[in-house]
């Protein structure tokens, strides 16, 4: 059974869930690339939460209700994975401009969720 909301919540919100393969980003171009993926993931998570709250589908299947947003997220992930293949088995952490706290994405978790088929 797919667990989208808990998984993506972990991916987006939980810096403590870093693996021992956390890559710290400092280059502006790398941060810009990962922030595109981060924004796509956040937008998809928002849609999934709306779907689940409205009872449109089980939470684990809600991401399939938004094929356009899912495709955009997959495209952003693929772009990052192709450009930075060494990032895909762990997490990345970065500090956005003007932010007091770091951001973190667990790319293996995103990949695993995006590989789940929509039925």
PDB file of N, CA and C in Angstrom:
ATOM      1  N   UNK A   1       0.835  -1.176   0.000  1.00  0.00           N
ATOM      2  CA  UNK A   1       0.000   0.000   0.000  1.00  0.00           C
ATOM      3  C   UNK A   1       0.880   1.240   0.000  1.00  0.00           C
ATOM      4  N   UNK A   2       0.594   2.177  -0.869  1.00  0.00           N
ATOM      5  CA  UNK A   2       1.376   3.402  -0.957  1.00  0.00           C
ATOM      6  C   UNK A   2       0.979   4.336   0.175  1.00  0.00           C
ATOM      7  N   UNK A   3       1.950   5.004   0.729  1.00  0.00           N
ATOM      8  CA  UNK A   3       1.714   5.937   1.823  1.00  0.00           C
ATOM      9  C   UNK A   3       2.229   7.308   1.404  1.00  0.00           C
ATOM     10  N   UNK A   4       1.521   8.000   0.534  1.00  0.00           N
ATOM     11  CA  UNK A   4       2.004   9.242  -0.031  1.00  0.00           C
ATOM     12  C   UNK A   4       2.146  10.347   0.998  1.00  0.00           C
ATOM     13  N   UNK A   5       1.126  10.637   1.747  1.00  0.00           N
ATOM     14  CA  UNK A   5       1.203  11.782   2.647  1.00  0.00           C
ATOM     15  C   UNK A   5       2.304  11.602   3.679  1.00  0.00           C
ATOM     16  N   UNK A   6       2.386  10.475   4.382  1.00  0.00           N
ATOM     17  CA  UNK A   6       3.492  10.344   5.331  1.00  0.00           C
ATOM     18  C   UNK A   6       4.854  10.401   4.650  1.00  0.00           C
ATOM     19  N   UNK A   7       4.993   9.777   3.491  1.00  0.00           N
ATOM     20  CA  UNK A   7       6.280   9.768   2.818  1.00  0.00           C
ATOM     21  C   UNK A   7       6.661  11.158   2.363  1.00  0.00           C
ATOM     22  N   UNK A   8       5.777  11.837   1.633  1.00  0.00           N
ATOM     23  CA  UNK A   8       6.111  13.160   1.152  1.00  0.00           C
ATOM     24  C   UNK A   8       6.230  14.155   2.295  1.00  0.00           C
ATOM     25  N   UNK A   9       5.479  13.976   3.360  1.00  0.00           N
ATOM     26  CA  UNK A   9       5.646  14.851   4.516  1.00  0.00           C
ATOM     27  C   UNK A   9       7.043  14.685   5.091  1.00  0.00           C
ATOM     28  N   UNK A  10       7.494  13.450   5.146  1.00  0.00           N
ATOM     29  CA  UNK A  10       8.842  13.177   5.620  1.00  0.00           C
ATOM     30  C   UNK A  10       9.859  13.817   4.688  1.00  0.00           C
ATOM     31  N   UNK A  11       9.649  13.676   3.411  1.00  0.00           N
ATOM     32  CA  UNK A  11      10.575  14.203   2.421  1.00  0.00           C
ATOM     33  C   UNK A  11      10.668  15.717   2.520  1.00  0.00           C
ATOM     34  N   UNK A  12       9.538  16.365   2.656  1.00  0.00           N
ATOM     35  CA  UNK A  12       9.501  17.815   2.618  1.00  0.00           C
ATOM     36  C   UNK A  12       9.864  18.438   3.957  1.00  0.00           C
ATOM     37  N   UNK A  13       9.344  17.905   5.043  1.00  0.00           N
ATOM     38  CA  UNK A  13       9.371  18.636   6.293  1.00  0.00           C
ATOM     39  C   UNK A  13      10.368  18.160   7.327  1.00  0.00           C
ATOM     40  N   UNK A  14      10.971  17.026   7.156  1.00  0.00           N
ATOM     41  CA  UNK A  14      11.696  16.449   8.285  1.00  0.00           C
ATOM     42  C   UNK A  14      13.194  16.407   8.027  1.00  0.00           C
ATOM     43  N   UNK A  15      13.889  17.439   8.401  1.00  0.00           N
ATOM     44  CA  UNK A  15      15.332  17.484   8.223  1.00  0.00           C
ATOM     45  C   UNK A  15      16.026  16.432   9.077  1.00  0.00           C
ATOM     46  N   UNK A  16      15.388  16.013  10.171  1.00  0.00           N
ATOM     47  CA  UNK A  16      16.001  15.016  11.039  1.00  0.00           C
ATOM     48  C   UNK A  16      16.054  13.640  10.397  1.00  0.00           C
ATOM     49  N   UNK A  17      15.304  13.427   9.335  1.00  0.00           N
ATOM     50  CA  UNK A  17      15.246  12.118   8.704  1.00  0.00           C
ATOM     51  C   UNK A  17      16.395  11.897   7.722  1.00  0.00           C
ATOM     52  N   UNK A  18      17.378  12.769   7.748  1.00  0.00           N
ATOM     53  CA  UNK A  18      18.510  12.619   6.844  1.00  0.00           C
ATOM     54  C   UNK A  18      19.180  11.269   7.048  1.00  0.00           C
ATOM     55  N   UNK A  19      19.672  10.749   5.960  1.00  0.00           N
ATOM     56  CA  UNK A  19      20.470   9.534   6.051  1.00  0.00           C
ATOM     57  C   UNK A  19      21.918   9.955   6.253  1.00  0.00           C
ATOM     58  N   UNK A  20      22.794   8.979   6.380  1.00  0.00           N
ATOM     59  CA  UNK A  20      24.201   9.311   6.497  1.00  0.00           C
ATOM     60  C   UNK A  20      24.758   9.772   5.154  1.00  0.00           C
ATOM     61  N   UNK A  21      23.926   9.766   4.119  1.00  0.00           N
ATOM     62  CA  UNK A  21      24.316  10.240   2.791  1.00  0.00           C
ATOM     63  C   UNK A  21      23.719  11.608   2.508  1.00  0.00           C
ATOM     64  N   UNK A  22      23.789  12.516   3.426  1.00  0.00           N
ATOM     65  CA  UNK A  22      23.288  13.862   3.200  1.00  0.00           C
ATOM     66  C   UNK A  22      24.355  14.682   2.498  1.00  0.00           C
ATOM     67  N   UNK A  23      23.960  15.275   1.400  1.00  0.00           N
ATOM     68  CA  UNK A  23      24.862  16.120   0.633  1.00  0.00           C
ATOM     69  C   UNK A  23      24.481  17.570   0.902  1.00  0.00           C
ATOM     70  N   UNK A  24      25.447  18.342   1.336  1.00  0.00           N
ATOM     71  CA  UNK A  24      25.231  19.759   1.616  1.00  0.00           C
ATOM     72  C   UNK A  24      25.453  20.548   0.323  1.00  0.00           C
ATOM     73  N   UNK A  25      24.463  21.343  -0.050  1.00  0.00           N
ATOM     74  CA  UNK A  25      24.573  22.144  -1.261  1.00  0.00           C
ATOM     75  C   UNK A  25      24.981  23.569  -0.902  1.00  0.00           C
ATOM     76  N   UNK A  26      25.908  24.104  -1.693  1.00  0.00           N
ATOM     77  CA  UNK A  26      26.364  25.475  -1.470  1.00  0.00           C
ATOM     78  C   UNK A  26      26.375  26.281  -2.760  1.00  0.00           C
ATOM     79  N   UNK A  27      26.494  25.623  -3.906  1.00  0.00           N
ATOM     80  CA  UNK A  27      26.527  26.327  -5.181  1.00  0.00           C
ATOM     81  C   UNK A  27      25.136  26.844  -5.521  1.00  0.00           C
ATOM     82  N   UNK A  28      25.081  28.082  -5.970  1.00  0.00           N
ATOM     83  CA  UNK A  28      23.805  28.710  -6.302  1.00  0.00           C
ATOM     84  C   UNK A  28      23.063  27.900  -7.367  1.00  0.00           C
ATOM     85  N   UNK A  29      23.763  27.405  -8.362  1.00  0.00           N
ATOM     86  CA  UNK A  29      23.104  26.653  -9.437  1.00  0.00           C
ATOM     87  C   UNK A  29      22.499  25.351  -8.914  1.00  0.00           C
ATOM     88  N   UNK A  30      23.180  24.678  -8.000  1.00  0.00           N
ATOM     89  CA  UNK A  30      22.639  23.449  -7.409  1.00  0.00           C
ATOM     90  C   UNK A  30      21.415  23.760  -6.552  1.00  0.00           C
ATOM     91  N   UNK A  31      21.493  24.815  -5.784  1.00  0.00           N
ATOM     92  CA  UNK A  31      20.361  25.203  -4.939  1.00  0.00           C
ATOM     93  C   UNK A  31      19.159  25.577  -5.801  1.00  0.00           C
ATOM     94  N   UNK A  32      19.384  26.296  -6.871  1.00  0.00           N
ATOM     95  CA  UNK A  32      18.280  26.644  -7.777  1.00  0.00           C
ATOM     96  C   UNK A  32      17.642  25.386  -8.356  1.00  0.00           C
ATOM     97  N   UNK A  33      18.456  24.412  -8.755  1.00  0.00           N
ATOM     98  CA  UNK A  33      17.933  23.165  -9.318  1.00  0.00           C
ATOM     99  C   UNK A  33      17.104  22.388  -8.300  1.00  0.00           C
ATOM    100  N   UNK A  34      17.601  22.266  -7.076  1.00  0.00           N
ATOM    101  CA  UNK A  34      16.876  21.485  -6.073  1.00  0.00           C
ATOM    102  C   UNK A  34      15.626  22.224  -5.620  1.00  0.00           C
ATOM    103  N   UNK A  35      15.647  23.543  -5.629  1.00  0.00           N
ATOM    104  CA  UNK A  35      14.465  24.289  -5.220  1.00  0.00           C
ATOM    105  C   UNK A  35      13.317  24.136  -6.215  1.00  0.00           C
ATOM    106  N   UNK A  36      13.621  23.935  -7.486  1.00  0.00           N
ATOM    107  CA  UNK A  36      12.567  23.653  -8.465  1.00  0.00           C
ATOM    108  C   UNK A  36      11.871  22.346  -8.097  1.00  0.00           C
ATOM    109  N   UNK A  37      12.652  21.313  -7.802  1.00  0.00           N
ATOM    110  CA  UNK A  37      12.074  20.037  -7.390  1.00  0.00           C
ATOM    111  C   UNK A  37      11.306  20.192  -6.080  1.00  0.00           C
ATOM    112  N   UNK A  38      11.873  20.897  -5.139  1.00  0.00           N
ATOM    113  CA  UNK A  38      11.215  21.112  -3.856  1.00  0.00           C
ATOM    114  C   UNK A  38       9.853  21.786  -4.048  1.00  0.00           C
ATOM    115  N   UNK A  39       9.778  22.773  -4.896  1.00  0.00           N
ATOM    116  CA  UNK A  39       8.509  23.459  -5.157  1.00  0.00           C
ATOM    117  C   UNK A  39       7.490  22.524  -5.790  1.00  0.00           C
ATOM    118  N   UNK A  40       7.927  21.698  -6.730  1.00  0.00           N
ATOM    119  CA  UNK A  40       7.014  20.743  -7.371  1.00  0.00           C
ATOM    120  C   UNK A  40       6.486  19.734  -6.349  1.00  0.00           C
ATOM    121  N   UNK A  41       7.373  19.238  -5.506  1.00  0.00           N
ATOM    122  CA  UNK A  41       6.952  18.286  -4.480  1.00  0.00           C
ATOM    123  C   UNK A  41       5.962  18.941  -3.528  1.00  0.00           C
ATOM    124  N   UNK A  42       6.254  20.154  -3.095  1.00  0.00           N
ATOM    125  CA  UNK A  42       5.348  20.861  -2.182  1.00  0.00           C
ATOM    126  C   UNK A  42       3.980  21.086  -2.809  1.00  0.00           C
ATOM    127  N   UNK A  43       3.945  21.434  -4.086  1.00  0.00           N
ATOM    128  CA  UNK A  43       2.662  21.648  -4.768  1.00  0.00           C
ATOM    129  C   UNK A  43       1.883  20.342  -4.888  1.00  0.00           C
ATOM    130  N   UNK A  44       2.569  19.244  -5.186  1.00  0.00           N
ATOM    131  CA  UNK A  44       1.899  17.956  -5.269  1.00  0.00           C
ATOM    132  C   UNK A  44       1.375  17.542  -3.903  1.00  0.00           C
ATOM    133  N   UNK A  45       2.158  17.745  -2.873  1.00  0.00           N
ATOM    134  CA  UNK A  45       1.721  17.413  -1.509  1.00  0.00           C
ATOM    135  C   UNK A  45       0.476  18.213  -1.147  1.00  0.00           C
ATOM    136  N   UNK A  46       0.439  19.484  -1.514  1.00  0.00           N
ATOM    137  CA  UNK A  46      -0.735  20.306  -1.224  1.00  0.00           C
ATOM    138  C   UNK A  46      -1.975  19.739  -1.909  1.00  0.00           C
ATOM    139  N   UNK A  47      -1.835  19.310  -3.154  1.00  0.00           N
ATOM    140  CA  UNK A  47      -2.956  18.701  -3.882  1.00  0.00           C
ATOM    141  C   UNK A  47      -3.399  17.408  -3.220  1.00  0.00           C
ATOM    142  N   UNK A  48      -2.446  16.587  -2.803  1.00  0.00           N
ATOM    143  CA  UNK A  48      -2.755  15.315  -2.156  1.00  0.00           C
ATOM    144  C   UNK A  48      -3.507  15.565  -0.854  1.00  0.00           C
ATOM    145  N   UNK A  49      -3.064  16.541  -0.102  1.00  0.00           N
ATOM    146  CA  UNK A  49      -3.757  16.856   1.156  1.00  0.00           C
ATOM    147  C   UNK A  49      -5.191  17.315   0.898  1.00  0.00           C
ATOM    148  N   UNK A  50      -5.391  18.123  -0.123  1.00  0.00           N
ATOM    149  CA  UNK A  50      -6.736  18.574  -0.479  1.00  0.00           C
ATOM    150  C   UNK A  50      -7.606  17.392  -0.876  1.00  0.00           C
ATOM    151  N   UNK A  51      -7.060  16.519  -1.685  1.00  0.00           N
ATOM    152  CA  UNK A  51      -7.786  15.329  -2.146  1.00  0.00           C
ATOM    153  C   UNK A  51      -8.193  14.455  -0.971  1.00  0.00           C
ATOM    154  N   UNK A  52      -7.244  14.207  -0.077  1.00  0.00           N
ATOM    155  CA  UNK A  52      -7.519  13.351   1.074  1.00  0.00           C
ATOM    156  C   UNK A  52      -8.550  13.997   1.997  1.00  0.00           C
ATOM    157  N   UNK A  53      -8.414  15.305   2.215  1.00  0.00           N
ATOM    158  CA  UNK A  53      -9.351  16.008   3.096  1.00  0.00           C
ATOM    159  C   UNK A  53     -10.768  16.006   2.521  1.00  0.00           C
ATOM    160  N   UNK A  54     -10.869  16.063   1.201  1.00  0.00           N
ATOM    161  CA  UNK A  54     -12.178  16.069   0.550  1.00  0.00           C
ATOM    162  C   UNK A  54     -12.742  14.662   0.379  1.00  0.00           C
ATOM    163  N   UNK A  55     -11.936  13.640   0.669  1.00  0.00           N
ATOM    164  CA  UNK A  55     -12.390  12.267   0.535  1.00  0.00           C
ATOM    165  C   UNK A  55     -12.533  11.810  -0.911  1.00  0.00           C
ATOM    166  N   UNK A  56     -11.783  12.429  -1.830  1.00  0.00           N
ATOM    167  CA  UNK A  56     -11.879  12.073  -3.247  1.00  0.00           C
ATOM    168  C   UNK A  56     -11.270  10.708  -3.552  1.00  0.00           C
ATOM    169  N   UNK A  57     -10.316  10.300  -2.749  1.00  0.00           N
ATOM    170  CA  UNK A  57      -9.649   9.002  -2.928  1.00  0.00           C
ATOM    171  C   UNK A  57      -8.918   8.710  -1.622  1.00  0.00           C
ATOM    172  N   UNK A  58      -8.542   7.451  -1.422  1.00  0.00           N
ATOM    173  CA  UNK A  58      -7.699   7.165  -0.261  1.00  0.00           C
ATOM    174  C   UNK A  58      -6.413   7.986  -0.360  1.00  0.00           C
ATOM    175  N   UNK A  59      -5.913   8.412   0.773  1.00  0.00           N
ATOM    176  CA  UNK A  59      -4.716   9.257   0.780  1.00  0.00           C
ATOM    177  C   UNK A  59      -3.571   8.637  -0.012  1.00  0.00           C
ATOM    178  N   UNK A  60      -3.433   7.337   0.044  1.00  0.00           N
ATOM    179  CA  UNK A  60      -2.336   6.673  -0.646  1.00  0.00           C
ATOM    180  C   UNK A  60      -2.475   6.720  -2.161  1.00  0.00           C
ATOM    181  N   UNK A  61      -3.665   7.040  -2.675  1.00  0.00           N
ATOM    182  CA  UNK A  61      -3.897   7.095  -4.120  1.00  0.00           C
ATOM    183  C   UNK A  61      -4.148   8.498  -4.638  1.00  0.00           C
ATOM    184  N   UNK A  62      -4.191   9.483  -3.766  1.00  0.00           N
ATOM    185  CA  UNK A  62      -4.558  10.832  -4.187  1.00  0.00           C
ATOM    186  C   UNK A  62      -3.617  11.435  -5.219  1.00  0.00           C
ATOM    187  N   UNK A  63      -2.340  11.112  -5.155  1.00  0.00           N
ATOM    188  CA  UNK A  63      -1.435  11.751  -6.104  1.00  0.00           C
ATOM    189  C   UNK A  63      -1.767  11.368  -7.545  1.00  0.00           C
ATOM    190  N   UNK A  64      -2.422  10.256  -7.756  1.00  0.00           N
ATOM    191  CA  UNK A  64      -2.815   9.842  -9.095  1.00  0.00           C
ATOM    192  C   UNK A  64      -3.978  10.673  -9.627  1.00  0.00           C
ATOM    193  N   UNK A  65      -4.641  11.409  -8.749  1.00  0.00           N
ATOM    194  CA  UNK A  65      -5.762  12.246  -9.160  1.00  0.00           C
ATOM    195  C   UNK A  65      -5.298  13.521  -9.869  1.00  0.00           C
ATOM    196  N   UNK A  66      -4.008  13.776  -9.878  1.00  0.00           N
ATOM    197  CA  UNK A  66      -3.450  15.001 -10.451  1.00  0.00           C
ATOM    198  C   UNK A  66      -2.330  14.654 -11.432  1.00  0.00           C
ATOM    199  N   UNK A  67      -2.667  14.074 -12.579  1.00  0.00           N
ATOM    200  CA  UNK A  67      -1.623  13.596 -13.502  1.00  0.00           C
ATOM    201  C   UNK A  67      -0.704  14.704 -14.016  1.00  0.00           C
ATOM    202  N   UNK A  68      -1.226  15.896 -14.212  1.00  0.00           N
ATOM    203  CA  UNK A  68      -0.378  16.995 -14.673  1.00  0.00           C
ATOM    204  C   UNK A  68       0.656  17.387 -13.637  1.00  0.00           C
ATOM    205  N   UNK A  69       0.228  17.511 -12.381  1.00  0.00           N
ATOM    206  CA  UNK A  69       1.136  17.870 -11.295  1.00  0.00           C
ATOM    207  C   UNK A  69       2.126  16.732 -11.033  1.00  0.00           C
ATOM    208  N   UNK A  70       1.644  15.487 -11.130  1.00  0.00           N
ATOM    209  CA  UNK A  70       2.520  14.330 -10.959  1.00  0.00           C
ATOM    210  C   UNK A  70       3.592  14.308 -12.053  1.00  0.00           C
ATOM    211  N   UNK A  71       3.193  14.576 -13.296  1.00  0.00           N
ATOM    212  CA  UNK A  71       4.151  14.599 -14.407  1.00  0.00           C
ATOM    213  C   UNK A  71       5.180  15.715 -14.223  1.00  0.00           C
ATOM    214  N   UNK A  72       4.747  16.872 -13.758  1.00  0.00           N
ATOM    215  CA  UNK A  72       5.675  17.984 -13.519  1.00  0.00           C
ATOM    216  C   UNK A  72       6.679  17.627 -12.426  1.00  0.00           C
ATOM    217  N   UNK A  73       6.203  16.948 -11.388  1.00  0.00           N
ATOM    218  CA  UNK A  73       7.093  16.531 -10.305  1.00  0.00           C
ATOM    219  C   UNK A  73       8.085  15.491 -10.807  1.00  0.00           C
ATOM    220  N   UNK A  74       7.603  14.528 -11.598  1.00  0.00           N
ATOM    221  CA  UNK A  74       8.508  13.521 -12.165  1.00  0.00           C
ATOM    222  C   UNK A  74       9.548  14.178 -13.070  1.00  0.00           C
ATOM    223  N   UNK A  75       9.117  15.139 -13.864  1.00  0.00           N
ATOM    224  CA  UNK A  75      10.049  15.836 -14.755  1.00  0.00           C
ATOM    225  C   UNK A  75      11.128  16.569 -13.946  1.00  0.00           C
ATOM    226  N   UNK A  76      10.716  17.252 -12.895  1.00  0.00           N
ATOM    227  CA  UNK A  76      11.679  17.971 -12.057  1.00  0.00           C
ATOM    228  C   UNK A  76      12.645  16.990 -11.382  1.00  0.00           C
ATOM    229  N   UNK A  77      12.102  15.850 -10.905  1.00  0.00           N
ATOM    230  CA  UNK A  77      12.974  14.835 -10.283  1.00  0.00           C
ATOM    231  C   UNK A  77      13.969  14.297 -11.318  1.00  0.00           C
ATOM    232  N   UNK A  78      13.473  13.939 -12.502  1.00  0.00           N
ATOM    233  CA  UNK A  78      14.344  13.381 -13.539  1.00  0.00           C
ATOM    234  C   UNK A  78      15.444  14.361 -13.933  1.00  0.00           C
ATOM    235  N   UNK A  79      15.097  15.629 -13.996  1.00  0.00           N
ATOM    236  CA  UNK A  79      16.090  16.650 -14.339  1.00  0.00           C
ATOM    237  C   UNK A  79      17.203  16.674 -13.291  1.00  0.00           C
ATOM    238  N   UNK A  80      16.826  16.671 -12.021  1.00  0.00           N
ATOM    239  CA  UNK A  80      17.820  16.672 -10.953  1.00  0.00           C
ATOM    240  C   UNK A  80      18.620  15.363 -10.974  1.00  0.00           C
ATOM    241  N   UNK A  81      17.943  14.237 -11.118  1.00  0.00           N
ATOM    242  CA  UNK A  81      18.619  12.936 -11.100  1.00  0.00           C
ATOM    243  C   UNK A  81      19.595  12.801 -12.264  1.00  0.00           C
ATOM    244  N   UNK A  82      19.233  13.306 -13.426  1.00  0.00           N
ATOM    245  CA  UNK A  82      20.135  13.230 -14.581  1.00  0.00           C
ATOM    246  C   UNK A  82      21.330  14.163 -14.425  1.00  0.00           C
ATOM    247  N   UNK A  83      21.097  15.314 -13.843  1.00  0.00           N
ATOM    248  CA  UNK A  83      22.163  16.303 -13.690  1.00  0.00           C
ATOM    249  C   UNK A  83      23.091  15.966 -12.515  1.00  0.00           C
ATOM    250  N   UNK A  84      22.517  15.380 -11.455  1.00  0.00           N
ATOM    251  CA  UNK A  84      23.272  15.082 -10.238  1.00  0.00           C
ATOM    252  C   UNK A  84      22.994  13.639  -9.789  1.00  0.00           C
ATOM    253  N   UNK A  85      23.438  12.643 -10.526  1.00  0.00           N
ATOM    254  CA  UNK A  85      23.100  11.254 -10.191  1.00  0.00           C
ATOM    255  C   UNK A  85      23.586  10.807  -8.814  1.00  0.00           C
ATOM    256  N   UNK A  86      24.613  11.418  -8.288  1.00  0.00           N
ATOM    257  CA  UNK A  86      25.117  11.021  -6.971  1.00  0.00           C
ATOM    258  C   UNK A  86      24.201  11.485  -5.832  1.00  0.00           C
ATOM    259  N   UNK A  87      23.194  12.282  -6.110  1.00  0.00           N
ATOM    260  CA  UNK A  87      22.254  12.741  -5.087  1.00  0.00           C
ATOM    261  C   UNK A  87      21.127  11.756  -4.845  1.00  0.00           C
ATOM    262  N   UNK A  88      20.857  10.856  -5.765  1.00  0.00           N
ATOM    263  CA  UNK A  88      19.596  10.109  -5.774  1.00  0.00           C
ATOM    264  C   UNK A  88      19.461   9.039  -4.704  1.00  0.00           C
ATOM    265  N   UNK A  89      20.522   8.660  -4.037  1.00  0.00           N
ATOM    266  CA  UNK A  89      20.416   7.617  -3.015  1.00  0.00           C
ATOM    267  C   UNK A  89      20.400   8.159  -1.592  1.00  0.00           C
ATOM    268  N   UNK A  90      20.362   9.445  -1.450  1.00  0.00           N
ATOM    269  CA  UNK A  90      20.359  10.015  -0.114  1.00  0.00           C
ATOM    270  C   UNK A  90      19.515  11.270  -0.062  1.00  0.00           C
ATOM    271  N   UNK A  91      19.951  12.176   0.764  1.00  0.00           N
ATOM    272  CA  UNK A  91      19.226  13.428   0.889  1.00  0.00           C
ATOM    273  C   UNK A  91      20.166  14.587   0.597  1.00  0.00           C
ATOM    274  N   UNK A  92      19.550  15.718   0.275  1.00  0.00           N
ATOM    275  CA  UNK A  92      20.315  16.934   0.058  1.00  0.00           C
ATOM    276  C   UNK A  92      19.791  17.995   1.017  1.00  0.00           C
ATOM    277  N   UNK A  93      20.701  18.834   1.453  1.00  0.00           N
ATOM    278  CA  UNK A  93      20.335  19.898   2.376  1.00  0.00           C
ATOM    279  C   UNK A  93      20.928  21.199   1.873  1.00  0.00           C
ATOM    280  N   UNK A  94      20.148  22.263   2.001  1.00  0.00           N
ATOM    281  CA  UNK A  94      20.595  23.564   1.535  1.00  0.00           C
ATOM    282  C   UNK A  94      19.935  24.670   2.340  1.00  0.00           C
ATOM    283  N   UNK A  95      20.515  25.831   2.237  1.00  0.00           N
ATOM    284  CA  UNK A  95      19.953  27.024   2.875  1.00  0.00           C
ATOM    285  C   UNK A  95      19.528  27.961   1.772  1.00  0.00           C
ATOM    286  N   UNK A  96      18.243  28.269   1.728  1.00  0.00           N
ATOM    287  CA  UNK A  96      17.733  29.223   0.758  1.00  0.00           C
ATOM    288  C   UNK A  96      18.064  30.635   1.192  1.00  0.00           C
ATOM    289  N   UNK A  97      18.055  31.523   0.232  1.00  0.00           N
ATOM    290  CA  UNK A  97      18.384  32.913   0.505  1.00  0.00           C
ATOM    291  C   UNK A  97      17.446  33.506   1.553  1.00  0.00           C
ATOM    292  N   UNK A  98      18.009  34.067   2.581  1.00  0.00           N
ATOM    293  CA  UNK A  98      17.229  34.720   3.615  1.00  0.00           C
ATOM    294  C   UNK A  98      16.523  33.787   4.586  1.00  0.00           C
ATOM    295  N   UNK A  99      16.823  32.507   4.539  1.00  0.00           N
ATOM    296  CA  UNK A  99      16.170  31.546   5.434  1.00  0.00           C
ATOM    297  C   UNK A  99      17.066  31.237   6.626  1.00  0.00           C
ATOM    298  N   UNK A 100      16.444  31.171   7.788  1.00  0.00           N
ATOM    299  CA  UNK A 100      17.196  30.862   9.005  1.00  0.00           C
ATOM    300  C   UNK A 100      17.426  29.366   9.171  1.00  0.00           C
ATOM    301  N   UNK A 101      16.572  28.546   8.523  1.00  0.00           N
ATOM    302  CA  UNK A 101      16.662  27.100   8.665  1.00  0.00           C
ATOM    303  C   UNK A 101      16.967  26.463   7.317  1.00  0.00           C
ATOM    304  N   UNK A 102      17.606  25.321   7.368  1.00  0.00           N
ATOM    305  CA  UNK A 102      17.924  24.612   6.134  1.00  0.00           C
ATOM    306  C   UNK A 102      16.692  23.871   5.621  1.00  0.00           C
ATOM    307  N   UNK A 103      16.746  23.524   4.355  1.00  0.00           N
ATOM    308  CA  UNK A 103      15.734  22.677   3.727  1.00  0.00           C
ATOM    309  C   UNK A 103      16.388  21.343   3.413  1.00  0.00           C
ATOM    310  N   UNK A 104      15.579  20.300   3.312  1.00  0.00           N
ATOM    311  CA  UNK A 104      16.105  18.964   3.104  1.00  0.00           C
ATOM    312  C   UNK A 104      15.131  18.170   2.237  1.00  0.00           C
ATOM    313  N   UNK A 105      15.651  17.453   1.271  1.00  0.00           N
ATOM    314  CA  UNK A 105      14.839  16.517   0.484  1.00  0.00           C
ATOM    315  C   UNK A 105      15.522  15.157   0.491  1.00  0.00           C
ATOM    316  N   UNK A 106      14.728  14.137   0.748  1.00  0.00           N
ATOM    317  CA  UNK A 106      15.212  12.759   0.705  1.00  0.00           C
ATOM    318  C   UNK A 106      14.871  12.221  -0.679  1.00  0.00           C
ATOM    319  N   UNK A 107      15.836  12.264  -1.591  1.00  0.00           N
ATOM    320  CA  UNK A 107      15.583  11.957  -2.993  1.00  0.00           C
ATOM    321  C   UNK A 107      15.241  10.493  -3.241  1.00  0.00           C
ATOM    322  N   UNK A 108      15.793   9.597  -2.465  1.00  0.00           N
ATOM    323  CA  UNK A 108      15.433   8.181  -2.649  1.00  0.00           C
ATOM    324  C   UNK A 108      13.940   7.989  -2.360  1.00  0.00           C
ATOM    325  N   UNK A 109      13.449   8.620  -1.335  1.00  0.00           N
ATOM    326  CA  UNK A 109      12.028   8.528  -1.002  1.00  0.00           C
ATOM    327  C   UNK A 109      11.148   9.120  -2.084  1.00  0.00           C
ATOM    328  N   UNK A 110      11.568  10.242  -2.642  1.00  0.00           N
ATOM    329  CA  UNK A 110      10.796  10.843  -3.736  1.00  0.00           C
ATOM    330  C   UNK A 110      10.779   9.889  -4.916  1.00  0.00           C
ATOM    331  N   UNK A 111      11.937   9.349  -5.267  1.00  0.00           N
ATOM    332  CA  UNK A 111      12.016   8.419  -6.407  1.00  0.00           C
ATOM    333  C   UNK A 111      11.096   7.214  -6.184  1.00  0.00           C
ATOM    334  N   UNK A 112      11.158   6.628  -5.000  1.00  0.00           N
ATOM    335  CA  UNK A 112      10.334   5.459  -4.728  1.00  0.00           C
ATOM    336  C   UNK A 112       8.845   5.774  -4.843  1.00  0.00           C
ATOM    337  N   UNK A 113       8.443   6.936  -4.364  1.00  0.00           N
ATOM    338  CA  UNK A 113       7.042   7.297  -4.472  1.00  0.00           C
ATOM    339  C   UNK A 113       6.643   7.552  -5.914  1.00  0.00           C
ATOM    340  N   UNK A 114       7.493   8.241  -6.665  1.00  0.00           N
ATOM    341  CA  UNK A 114       7.168   8.541  -8.050  1.00  0.00           C
ATOM    342  C   UNK A 114       7.148   7.310  -8.935  1.00  0.00           C
ATOM    343  N   UNK A 115       7.825   6.248  -8.525  1.00  0.00           N
ATOM    344  CA  UNK A 115       7.837   4.999  -9.295  1.00  0.00           C
ATOM    345  C   UNK A 115       6.577   4.168  -9.068  1.00  0.00           C
ATOM    346  N   UNK A 116       5.766   4.507  -8.083  1.00  0.00           N
ATOM    347  CA  UNK A 116       4.546   3.752  -7.806  1.00  0.00           C
ATOM    348  C   UNK A 116       3.565   3.951  -8.962  1.00  0.00           C
ATOM    349  N   UNK A 117       3.006   2.873  -9.482  1.00  0.00           N
ATOM    350  CA  UNK A 117       2.060   3.012 -10.590  1.00  0.00           C
ATOM    351  C   UNK A 117       0.731   3.568 -10.131  1.00  0.00           C
ATOM    352  N   UNK A 118       0.110   4.332 -11.010  1.00  0.00           N
ATOM    353  CA  UNK A 118      -1.260   4.786 -10.768  1.00  0.00           C
ATOM    354  C   UNK A 118      -2.195   3.725 -11.363  1.00  0.00           C
ATOM    355  N   UNK A 119      -3.136   3.303 -10.567  1.00  0.00           N
ATOM    356  CA  UNK A 119      -4.058   2.250 -11.022  1.00  0.00           C
ATOM    357  C   UNK A 119      -5.358   2.853 -11.451  1.00  0.00           C
TER     358      UNK A 119
END
